[in-house]
Amino acid sequence: MDEPDSQDIAQETPADEVFIAPSIHSKNILAGRSYTHHTHIPSSIAQDLSTECVLGVDEAGRGPVIGPMVYGVLYLPLSLHHSLLAETHHFDDSKVLKPTVRSALMQTLCTPGSDLYENCGWGTRVMSARDISAGMLKPAGAYNLNAQAMDATIELIKDVFAKGVNIKEIYIDTIGQPGAYQAKLERIFPTIKITVAKKADSLYPCVSAASVCAKVTRDAALEVCYQSYVSPKDGAEEPAVVAAGWGSGYPADAKTSTWLKKNMDPVFGWGSECRFSWAPIKELLEVKGGAAKVEWPVPDDEEHGMRLTNFFIPSADGDEKTEHDELASWFGRPLSESVF
């Protein structure tokens, strides 16, 4: 994963007052659960489901050690693709837009009566840090990040089709090699024109808009996660929460690395907002000596060579062989072929 430079970090850091979109489900986020959110079909499409639509997919938060990775999808009538998104509202890759600008665009998208609200439907898949790490740390058959991302993309697209929306074109920012990714999606959605490309979030307005949905949702999710670390001030009922306290979430961000070092529990590390499968986190826990060392005791029965399997596996010892035979004959002995 490429580490962002200082300018990228500034753009990745959430705005001080990020818009809290309907895609923020605080209970799930604080519990470390992944979830999916979809809006209703916009009125311009719901009035005539035969309307040909275009759909874009993009993600936010692939590389950080803190917070979820969010996949966003946005669709609208094909006839409005460029005029509404690019010409009227100037959507662009969320990493290029200032945090306040992308937050304002998301707020307009969620405001009833606005042209974006009436013509665009969108959804997000919030993939929690806990679930990402659990998949990647499986002892056998690790569920890597690319596979998790692919599954999230497919799930979001299928959800939109299930609503009855007439999607004709799909544009996606690539994971890895565009050709292989596109070929797989074309096998799943054979009747749809699919384009998978590098920098698609800068080339296709619907992908740019999906990028904003994903990024603002991630920004707000970071703010929700940070609540558990902030205490109310001066008798206030609610804490004044600003996610910038831990920065962008990238390990190259000085704010992030400082926060991780100062808030590491010696036994549990951090909460469900942290990706324990990431190398910088493993290094803090295992190499730099910040965590308490744990020695797991050997169970007493194993110390004395007594295991449950010893009662079922024959050995060279005659007594154990007899014991094994007795266990095998509890329900009777098999008949030999001579009986028949």
Protein backbone atom coordinates (compact mmCIF):
# COMPACT_ATOMS: atom_id res chain seq x y z
CA MET A 1 0.00 0.00 0.00
CA ASP A 2 1.28 3.43 -0.95
CA GLU A 3 1.72 5.78 1.97
CA PRO A 4 0.25 9.26 1.47
CA ASP A 5 2.45 12.35 1.51
CA SER A 6 1.84 15.34 3.77
CA GLN A 7 -0.58 16.96 1.33
CA ASP A 8 -2.57 13.74 0.97
CA ILE A 9 -2.71 13.39 4.76
CA ALA A 10 -4.18 16.88 5.06
CA GLN A 11 -6.86 15.97 2.51
CA GLU A 12 -7.57 12.62 4.19
CA THR A 13 -8.04 14.20 7.63
CA PRO A 14 -11.76 14.71 8.39
CA ALA A 15 -13.23 18.20 8.51
CA ASP A 16 -13.74 19.67 11.96
CA GLU A 17 -17.50 19.62 11.40
CA VAL A 18 -18.08 16.73 9.04
CA PHE A 19 -21.65 16.11 7.89
CA ILE A 20 -23.22 13.13 9.65
CA ALA A 21 -24.95 11.33 6.80
CA PRO A 22 -27.81 8.79 7.16
CA SER A 23 -25.20 6.10 6.40
CA ILE A 24 -23.81 6.52 9.92
CA HIS A 25 -25.19 3.79 12.20
CA SER A 26 -23.47 4.65 15.46
CA LYS A 27 -24.31 1.46 17.37
CA ASN A 28 -22.82 -0.75 14.67
CA ILE A 29 -19.74 1.44 14.34
CA LEU A 30 -19.01 1.49 18.08
CA ALA A 31 -19.59 -2.27 18.29
CA GLY A 32 -17.13 -2.93 15.44
CA ARG A 33 -19.81 -4.41 13.18
CA SER A 34 -19.83 -4.07 9.40
CA TYR A 35 -23.11 -3.01 7.80
CA THR A 36 -24.74 -1.76 4.58
CA HIS A 37 -26.88 1.33 4.05
CA HIS A 38 -28.97 2.24 1.01
CA THR A 39 -31.17 5.26 0.30
CA HIS A 40 -34.61 5.01 -1.26
CA ILE A 41 -34.80 5.10 -5.05
CA PRO A 42 -34.83 8.81 -6.02
CA SER A 43 -38.15 10.17 -7.26
CA SER A 44 -37.02 10.80 -10.85
CA ILE A 45 -36.19 7.10 -11.22
CA ALA A 46 -38.97 5.68 -9.03
CA GLN A 47 -41.60 7.34 -11.26
CA ASP A 48 -40.33 5.31 -14.21
CA LEU A 49 -38.16 2.29 -13.39
CA SER A 50 -37.38 1.82 -17.08
CA THR A 51 -35.16 4.93 -16.90
CA GLU A 52 -31.67 3.96 -18.04
CA CYS A 53 -29.15 4.63 -15.26
CA VAL A 54 -25.42 4.76 -14.72
CA LEU A 55 -23.73 3.55 -11.54
CA GLY A 56 -20.32 4.29 -10.03
CA VAL A 57 -18.37 2.51 -7.27
CA ASP A 58 -15.40 3.68 -5.22
CA GLU A 59 -13.87 3.23 -1.77
CA ALA A 60 -12.33 5.27 1.02
CA GLY A 61 -9.97 4.18 3.77
CA ARG A 62 -8.13 1.27 2.20
CA GLY A 63 -4.73 2.04 3.73
CA PRO A 64 -5.29 3.54 7.23
CA VAL A 65 -4.68 1.62 10.45
CA ILE A 66 -7.64 3.30 12.15
CA GLY A 67 -11.28 3.18 11.16
CA PRO A 68 -13.39 1.32 8.61
CA MET A 69 -12.92 0.93 4.89
CA VAL A 70 -16.07 2.21 3.19
CA TYR A 71 -17.34 1.31 -0.26
CA GLY A 72 -19.76 3.74 -1.86
CA VAL A 73 -22.10 3.34 -4.80
CA LEU A 74 -24.10 6.09 -6.55
CA TYR A 75 -26.53 5.87 -9.46
CA LEU A 76 -28.61 8.35 -11.46
CA PRO A 77 -30.26 8.68 -14.88
CA LEU A 78 -27.72 8.21 -17.65
CA SER A 79 -28.87 11.45 -19.29
CA LEU A 80 -27.81 13.47 -16.22
CA HIS A 81 -24.45 11.79 -15.63
CA HIS A 82 -22.17 14.62 -16.72
CA SER A 83 -24.50 17.62 -16.62
CA LEU A 84 -25.63 17.17 -13.00
CA LEU A 85 -22.54 15.74 -11.35
CA ALA A 86 -19.64 17.32 -13.26
CA GLU A 87 -21.03 20.54 -14.70
CA THR A 88 -23.49 21.63 -11.99
CA HIS A 89 -21.89 20.31 -8.80
CA HIS A 90 -18.26 19.77 -9.85
CA PHE A 91 -17.79 16.35 -8.24
CA ASP A 92 -14.21 15.09 -8.30
CA ASP A 93 -12.11 12.46 -6.61
CA SER A 94 -12.78 12.91 -2.87
CA LYS A 95 -9.03 12.99 -2.19
CA VAL A 96 -8.76 16.10 -4.38
CA LEU A 97 -11.71 17.92 -2.84
CA LYS A 98 -11.20 19.82 0.40
CA PRO A 99 -12.83 18.12 3.42
CA THR A 100 -15.35 20.96 3.79
CA VAL A 101 -16.30 20.77 0.09
CA ARG A 102 -16.94 17.03 0.06
CA SER A 103 -18.93 17.33 3.30
CA ALA A 104 -21.08 20.08 1.74
CA LEU A 105 -21.68 17.97 -1.39
CA MET A 106 -22.79 15.05 0.75
CA GLN A 107 -25.15 17.28 2.69
CA THR A 108 -26.73 18.51 -0.56
CA LEU A 109 -27.08 14.90 -1.72
CA CYS A 110 -29.01 14.16 1.49
CA THR A 111 -31.22 17.30 1.45
CA PRO A 112 -34.81 16.68 0.27
CA GLY A 113 -35.77 18.94 -2.61
CA SER A 114 -32.24 19.36 -3.96
CA ASP A 115 -31.49 18.25 -7.53
CA LEU A 116 -28.99 15.67 -6.23
CA TYR A 117 -31.51 14.22 -3.76
CA GLU A 118 -34.26 13.95 -6.39
CA ASN A 119 -32.07 12.29 -9.03
CA CYS A 120 -29.36 10.27 -7.24
CA GLY A 121 -29.56 7.10 -5.19
CA TRP A 122 -26.57 5.91 -3.21
CA GLY A 123 -25.41 3.31 -0.72
CA THR A 124 -22.41 2.38 1.39
CA ARG A 125 -20.82 -0.74 2.80
CA VAL A 126 -18.98 0.08 6.04
CA MET A 127 -16.35 -2.61 6.59
CA SER A 128 -15.21 -2.38 10.19
CA ALA A 129 -11.54 -2.52 11.17
CA ARG A 130 -12.35 -5.50 13.38
CA ASP A 131 -13.93 -7.50 10.56
CA ILE A 132 -11.19 -6.60 8.09
CA SER A 133 -8.52 -7.82 10.51
CA ALA A 134 -10.48 -10.93 11.47
CA GLY A 135 -10.59 -11.94 7.81
CA MET A 136 -6.92 -11.24 7.18
CA LEU A 137 -5.75 -13.00 10.35
CA LYS A 138 -7.59 -16.28 9.76
CA PRO A 139 -5.17 -19.13 10.57
CA ALA A 140 -6.11 -20.93 7.38
CA GLY A 141 -7.39 -19.45 4.13
CA ALA A 142 -6.93 -15.75 4.93
CA TYR A 143 -9.67 -13.49 3.54
CA ASN A 144 -7.43 -10.83 2.03
CA LEU A 145 -8.35 -7.17 1.56
CA ASN A 146 -8.81 -7.43 -2.22
CA ALA A 147 -11.29 -10.30 -1.80
CA GLN A 148 -13.18 -8.38 0.88
CA ALA A 149 -13.30 -5.30 -1.36
CA MET A 150 -14.51 -7.30 -4.34
CA ASP A 151 -17.31 -8.89 -2.30
CA ALA A 152 -18.41 -5.48 -0.99
CA THR A 153 -18.55 -4.11 -4.54
CA ILE A 154 -20.60 -7.03 -5.83
CA GLU A 155 -22.98 -6.86 -2.86
CA LEU A 156 -23.67 -3.15 -3.36
CA ILE A 157 -24.33 -3.56 -7.09
CA LYS A 158 -26.64 -6.53 -6.53
CA ASP A 159 -28.57 -4.53 -3.93
CA VAL A 160 -29.29 -1.80 -6.48
CA PHE A 161 -30.43 -4.33 -9.09
CA ALA A 162 -32.69 -5.92 -6.46
CA LYS A 163 -34.50 -2.58 -6.12
CA GLY A 164 -35.46 -2.80 -9.79
CA VAL A 165 -33.22 0.03 -10.99
CA ASN A 166 -32.41 -0.22 -14.72
CA ILE A 167 -28.61 0.00 -14.61
CA LYS A 168 -27.04 0.09 -18.08
CA GLU A 169 -23.48 1.21 -17.35
CA ILE A 170 -21.16 0.64 -14.38
CA TYR A 171 -17.87 2.41 -13.70
CA ILE A 172 -15.49 1.26 -10.97
CA ASP A 173 -12.14 2.41 -9.61
CA THR A 174 -9.89 -0.62 -9.89
CA ILE A 175 -8.53 -3.03 -7.31
CA GLY A 176 -5.26 -4.36 -8.69
CA GLN A 177 -5.24 -5.14 -12.42
CA PRO A 178 -8.28 -3.57 -14.16
CA GLY A 179 -8.56 -6.30 -16.80
CA ALA A 180 -8.92 -9.22 -14.38
CA TYR A 181 -11.28 -7.26 -12.13
CA GLN A 182 -13.48 -6.23 -15.05
CA ALA A 183 -13.58 -9.75 -16.48
CA LYS A 184 -14.83 -11.15 -13.16
CA LEU A 185 -17.58 -8.53 -12.90
CA GLU A 186 -18.63 -9.11 -16.50
CA ARG A 187 -19.16 -12.79 -15.70
CA ILE A 188 -21.43 -11.82 -12.81
CA PHE A 189 -23.28 -9.03 -14.67
CA PRO A 190 -23.07 -10.17 -18.34
CA THR A 191 -25.69 -7.79 -19.78
CA ILE A 192 -24.19 -4.58 -18.37
CA LYS A 193 -21.50 -2.36 -19.87
CA ILE A 194 -18.77 -2.39 -17.22
CA THR A 195 -15.64 -0.22 -17.14
CA VAL A 196 -12.96 -0.80 -14.51
CA ALA A 197 -10.14 1.72 -14.67
CA LYS A 198 -7.32 3.26 -12.70
CA LYS A 199 -8.16 6.76 -11.46
CA ALA A 200 -11.80 6.18 -12.38
CA ASP A 201 -12.76 8.55 -9.56
CA SER A 202 -11.18 11.36 -11.62
CA LEU A 203 -12.49 10.19 -14.99
CA TYR A 204 -16.15 9.35 -14.42
CA PRO A 205 -18.46 11.69 -12.45
CA CYS A 206 -20.56 8.86 -10.98
CA VAL A 207 -17.40 7.31 -9.50
CA SER A 208 -16.37 10.72 -8.15
CA ALA A 209 -19.76 11.03 -6.45
CA ALA A 210 -19.49 7.49 -5.05
CA SER A 211 -16.04 8.43 -3.77
CA VAL A 212 -17.54 11.39 -1.87
CA CYS A 213 -20.26 9.17 -0.35
CA ALA A 214 -17.62 6.71 0.83
CA LYS A 215 -15.19 9.33 2.13
CA VAL A 216 -17.69 11.45 4.06
CA THR A 217 -19.17 8.30 5.59
CA ARG A 218 -15.70 7.21 6.69
CA ASP A 219 -14.92 10.69 8.06
CA ALA A 220 -18.11 10.64 10.14
CA ALA A 221 -17.47 7.05 11.26
CA LEU A 222 -14.05 8.13 12.56
CA GLU A 223 -15.73 10.86 14.53
CA VAL A 224 -18.16 8.35 16.06
CA CYS A 225 -15.30 5.98 16.95
CA TYR A 226 -13.42 8.80 18.65
CA GLN A 227 -16.33 9.38 21.05
CA SER A 228 -15.22 6.48 23.24
CA TYR A 229 -11.91 8.26 23.89
CA VAL A 230 -13.23 11.75 24.61
CA SER A 231 -14.69 12.82 27.96
CA PRO A 232 -17.33 15.54 28.33
CA LYS A 233 -15.82 18.94 29.10
CA ASP A 234 -16.95 21.51 31.68
CA GLY A 235 -20.04 19.59 32.68
CA ALA A 236 -21.33 19.27 29.12
CA GLU A 237 -23.71 16.39 28.50
CA GLU A 238 -21.92 15.36 25.30
CA PRO A 239 -18.21 15.46 24.47
CA ALA A 240 -16.97 17.84 21.81
CA VAL A 241 -15.75 15.23 19.36
CA VAL A 242 -13.25 16.00 16.63
CA ALA A 243 -11.71 13.01 14.83
CA ALA A 244 -8.64 15.09 13.93
CA GLY A 245 -7.35 14.15 17.38
CA TRP A 246 -5.97 10.98 15.80
CA GLY A 247 -5.47 12.54 12.39
CA SER A 248 -6.14 10.77 9.12
CA GLY A 249 -5.65 7.24 10.45
CA TYR A 250 -2.61 6.59 8.24
CA PRO A 251 0.51 5.32 10.05
CA ALA A 252 2.60 7.95 8.23
CA ASP A 253 0.51 10.67 9.86
CA ALA A 254 2.35 11.99 12.95
CA LYS A 255 -0.95 12.58 14.75
CA THR A 256 -2.00 8.98 14.14
CA SER A 257 1.28 7.40 15.25
CA THR A 258 1.41 9.62 18.35
CA TRP A 259 -2.16 8.75 19.27
CA LEU A 260 -1.52 5.02 18.85
CA LYS A 261 1.53 5.13 21.12
CA LYS A 262 -0.19 7.17 23.83
CA ASN A 263 -3.42 5.17 23.86
CA MET A 264 -2.22 1.57 23.68
CA ASP A 265 -3.52 -0.67 26.41
CA PRO A 266 -0.70 -3.08 27.43
CA VAL A 267 -3.07 -6.08 27.30
CA PHE A 268 -5.75 -5.31 24.71
CA GLY A 269 -3.97 -2.78 22.50
CA TRP A 270 -6.79 -0.61 21.18
CA GLY A 271 -10.50 -0.88 20.48
CA SER A 272 -12.44 -2.24 17.51
CA GLU A 273 -11.51 0.86 15.48
CA CYS A 274 -7.94 -0.42 15.01
CA ARG A 275 -6.76 -2.82 12.27
CA PHE A 276 -4.68 -5.35 14.17
CA SER A 277 -3.64 -7.07 10.93
CA TRP A 278 -1.66 -4.02 9.74
CA ALA A 279 2.14 -4.24 10.00
CA PRO A 280 2.63 -0.97 11.96
CA ILE A 281 0.16 -2.18 14.60
CA LYS A 282 1.89 -5.57 14.88
CA GLU A 283 5.20 -3.78 15.25
CA LEU A 284 3.93 -1.59 18.09
CA LEU A 285 2.52 -4.63 19.90
CA GLU A 286 5.22 -7.22 19.26
CA VAL A 287 8.51 -5.51 18.44
CA LYS A 288 8.64 -2.21 20.26
CA GLY A 289 7.76 -3.77 23.60
CA GLY A 290 4.73 -1.65 24.32
CA ALA A 291 2.45 -4.56 25.06
CA ALA A 292 2.53 -6.92 28.03
CA LYS A 293 4.06 -10.30 27.25
CA VAL A 294 1.76 -13.26 27.74
CA GLU A 295 2.90 -16.82 28.42
CA TRP A 296 0.21 -19.39 27.82
CA PRO A 297 0.44 -22.29 30.32
CA VAL A 298 0.40 -25.86 29.04
CA PRO A 299 -2.71 -27.73 30.28
CA ASP A 300 -1.98 -30.29 33.01
CA ASP A 301 -3.27 -33.26 31.04
CA GLU A 302 -0.83 -32.51 28.19
CA GLU A 303 2.05 -32.11 30.66
CA HIS A 304 1.59 -35.73 31.75
CA GLY A 305 1.12 -37.03 28.26
CA MET A 306 -2.62 -37.59 28.76
CA ARG A 307 -4.75 -36.55 25.81
CA LEU A 308 -8.27 -37.47 24.86
CA THR A 309 -7.04 -38.93 21.58
CA ASN A 310 -4.93 -41.46 23.48
CA PHE A 311 -8.14 -43.38 24.24
CA PHE A 312 -8.96 -43.79 20.56
CA ILE A 313 -5.59 -44.29 18.87
CA PRO A 314 -3.96 -47.77 19.18
CA SER A 315 -0.36 -47.88 20.30
CA ALA A 316 2.33 -50.50 20.74
CA ASP A 317 1.38 -50.85 24.40
CA GLY A 318 -0.80 -53.93 24.94
CA ASP A 319 -2.99 -52.43 27.69
CA GLU A 320 -3.80 -49.38 25.60
CA LYS A 321 -4.59 -51.69 22.66
CA THR A 322 -7.01 -53.63 24.85
CA GLU A 323 -8.61 -50.42 26.06
CA HIS A 324 -8.97 -49.27 22.47
CA ASP A 325 -10.58 -52.61 21.50
CA GLU A 326 -13.04 -52.37 24.38
CA LEU A 327 -14.12 -48.92 23.29
CA ALA A 328 -14.52 -50.07 19.70
CA SER A 329 -16.78 -52.99 20.73
CA TRP A 330 -19.19 -51.02 22.94
CA PHE A 331 -21.87 -51.18 20.26
CA GLY A 332 -21.13 -54.72 19.14
CA ARG A 333 -18.60 -56.23 16.78
CA PRO A 334 -18.88 -56.12 12.97
CA LEU A 335 -19.99 -59.35 11.31
CA SER A 336 -17.51 -61.16 9.10
CA GLU A 337 -18.21 -62.05 5.48
CA SER A 338 -18.28 -65.77 6.39
CA VAL A 339 -21.65 -65.30 8.13
CA PHE A 340 -23.22 -64.65 4.77
